[in-house]
Protein backbone atom coordinates (compact mmCIF):
# COMPACT_ATOMS: atom_id res chain seq x y z
CA MET A 1 -132.17 277.44 62.08
CA ILE A 2 -129.07 274.28 60.69
CA GLN A 3 -131.01 272.12 57.88
CA ASN A 4 -129.24 268.62 58.30
CA ASN A 5 -128.45 266.07 55.57
CA LYS A 6 -131.37 265.45 53.37
CA ARG A 7 -131.89 262.45 51.14
CA ASP A 8 -132.12 263.32 47.54
CA ILE A 9 -134.61 261.74 45.07
CA LYS A 10 -133.28 260.37 41.85
CA LYS A 11 -130.09 259.36 42.97
CA LYS A 12 -131.48 257.85 46.74
CA LYS A 13 -128.53 258.74 48.77
CA VAL A 14 -128.15 261.11 51.60
CA VAL A 15 -126.37 265.15 50.31
CA TYR A 16 -123.96 265.77 51.92
CA LYS A 17 -125.17 269.61 53.38
CA THR A 18 -122.30 272.05 54.06
CA ASP A 19 -123.92 273.85 57.40
CA SER A 20 -124.49 270.36 58.93
CA PHE A 21 -122.66 269.46 62.28
CA VAL A 22 -121.34 266.52 60.63
CA TYR A 23 -119.21 268.13 58.36
CA PHE A 24 -118.35 271.11 60.38
CA SER A 25 -117.11 268.55 62.78
CA PHE A 26 -115.61 266.76 60.27
CA ARG A 27 -113.34 269.72 58.94
CA ILE A 28 -111.95 270.63 62.49
CA ALA A 29 -110.99 267.18 63.21
CA ILE A 30 -109.14 267.32 59.87
CA ARG A 31 -107.68 270.84 60.14
CA MET A 32 -106.55 270.04 63.50
CA THR A 33 -104.88 267.16 63.07
CA PHE A 34 -102.90 268.56 60.49
CA PHE A 35 -101.93 271.61 62.31
CA LEU A 36 -100.66 269.06 65.36
CA PHE A 37 -99.11 266.54 62.90
CA LEU A 38 -96.99 269.71 61.33
CA LEU A 39 -96.28 271.32 64.78
CA PHE A 40 -95.00 267.73 66.09
CA SER A 41 -92.82 267.64 62.62
CA SER A 42 -91.15 271.13 63.10
CA LEU A 43 -90.78 270.78 66.91
CA MET A 44 -89.02 267.17 66.16
CA LEU A 45 -86.80 269.19 63.36
CA PHE A 46 -86.03 271.67 66.34
CA TYR A 47 -85.05 268.51 68.53
CA PHE A 48 -82.62 267.06 65.82
CA VAL A 49 -80.96 270.82 64.73
CA GLY A 50 -80.60 271.52 68.30
CA ASN A 51 -78.46 268.34 68.51
CA TYR A 52 -76.24 268.86 65.69
CA GLN A 53 -75.56 273.07 66.68
CA GLU A 54 -75.66 271.83 70.54
CA PHE A 55 -78.17 273.62 72.05
CA LEU A 56 -78.55 273.94 75.84
CA ASP A 57 -79.37 271.22 77.48
CA SER A 58 -82.62 273.11 79.24
CA ASN A 59 -83.52 274.36 75.68
CA GLN A 60 -83.43 270.84 74.38
CA LYS A 61 -85.48 268.99 77.42
CA LEU A 62 -87.92 272.26 76.78
CA ILE A 63 -88.17 270.90 72.81
CA LEU A 64 -88.47 267.51 74.54
CA ASN A 65 -91.44 268.26 76.50
CA LEU A 66 -93.27 269.71 74.15
CA ILE A 67 -92.88 267.02 71.62
CA ALA A 68 -94.25 265.05 74.34
CA ILE A 69 -97.62 267.10 75.12
CA THR A 70 -97.62 268.00 71.14
CA SER A 71 -97.95 264.04 70.28
CA ILE A 72 -100.33 263.29 73.31
CA ILE A 73 -102.74 266.03 72.02
CA GLU A 74 -102.15 264.41 68.42
CA PHE A 75 -103.19 260.76 69.68
CA VAL A 76 -106.53 262.29 71.13
CA PHE A 77 -107.10 263.93 67.91
CA SER A 78 -105.93 261.41 65.36
CA LEU A 79 -108.11 259.00 67.92
CA SER A 80 -111.43 261.23 67.61
CA SER A 81 -110.93 261.81 64.29
CA PHE A 82 -110.96 258.18 63.11
CA THR A 83 -114.20 257.34 65.27
CA LEU A 84 -116.18 260.75 63.21
CA ASN A 85 -114.32 259.60 60.09
CA ILE A 86 -116.10 256.10 60.60
CA ILE A 87 -119.46 257.11 61.83
CA SER A 88 -119.66 259.55 59.15
CA TYR A 89 -119.59 256.84 56.80
CA PHE A 90 -122.64 255.43 58.15
CA ILE A 91 -124.30 258.48 58.32
CA VAL A 92 -123.56 260.22 55.49
CA LYS A 93 -122.73 257.56 53.09
CA ARG A 94 -119.14 258.98 52.01
CA ARG A 95 -117.08 257.32 49.13
CA LEU A 96 -115.85 254.56 50.44
CA ARG A 97 -112.32 255.85 49.52
CA LYS A 98 -112.03 258.70 50.75
CA VAL A 99 -112.96 257.07 54.07
CA ILE A 100 -110.53 254.24 53.53
CA LEU A 101 -107.48 257.35 53.01
CA TYR A 102 -108.41 259.58 55.49
CA SER A 103 -108.20 256.39 57.80
CA LEU A 104 -104.74 255.56 56.87
CA ILE A 105 -103.59 259.41 57.40
CA TYR A 106 -105.47 259.36 60.83
CA CYS A 107 -103.63 255.67 61.77
CA PHE A 108 -100.57 257.10 60.01
CA THR A 109 -100.35 260.32 62.39
CA THR A 110 -101.61 258.03 65.58
CA LEU A 111 -98.65 255.96 64.82
CA LEU A 112 -96.07 258.68 64.51
CA SER A 113 -97.36 260.63 67.21
CA VAL A 114 -97.15 257.55 69.63
CA ALA A 115 -93.10 256.79 68.42
CA GLY A 116 -92.71 260.79 69.29
CA PHE A 117 -94.21 260.82 72.80
CA LEU A 118 -92.05 257.24 73.59
CA PHE A 119 -88.82 258.81 71.85
CA SER A 120 -89.17 261.64 73.83
CA ARG A 121 -89.49 260.28 77.31
CA ALA A 122 -87.49 257.74 76.57
CA VAL A 123 -84.80 260.74 75.50
CA LEU A 124 -85.56 262.85 78.80
CA LEU A 125 -85.46 259.49 81.03
CA VAL A 126 -81.55 258.76 79.88
CA SER A 127 -80.10 262.23 80.11
CA ASN A 128 -81.85 262.39 83.38
CA GLY A 129 -80.43 259.19 84.62
CA LEU A 130 -81.84 256.05 85.19
């Protein structure tokens, strides 16, 4: 049976057990957000390199559609990671510096995914004609 967080009598604070559900879900959220950010960055790099090397229009549209899909998924995971970060701070009483750092990272990736989505949709709209 999985043991959840326990209280340390001497320090009077919650001990963060590595087998708890909060720890597991927090680690998954961090890794998925980081993976999606790297995927989004590589797709944007492919798009800009493709403009320079004159990829076919169909390939450019495919890359833009992949950017839009990736940015939507990244937006969802960044928001869920942000809320999980805040919830885990109140449940586990982690250090405030870590919570603020992770919150800033999640806000940055959320804003970047929204900007990437708007960029890809705008370019697709202009390329198809108004």
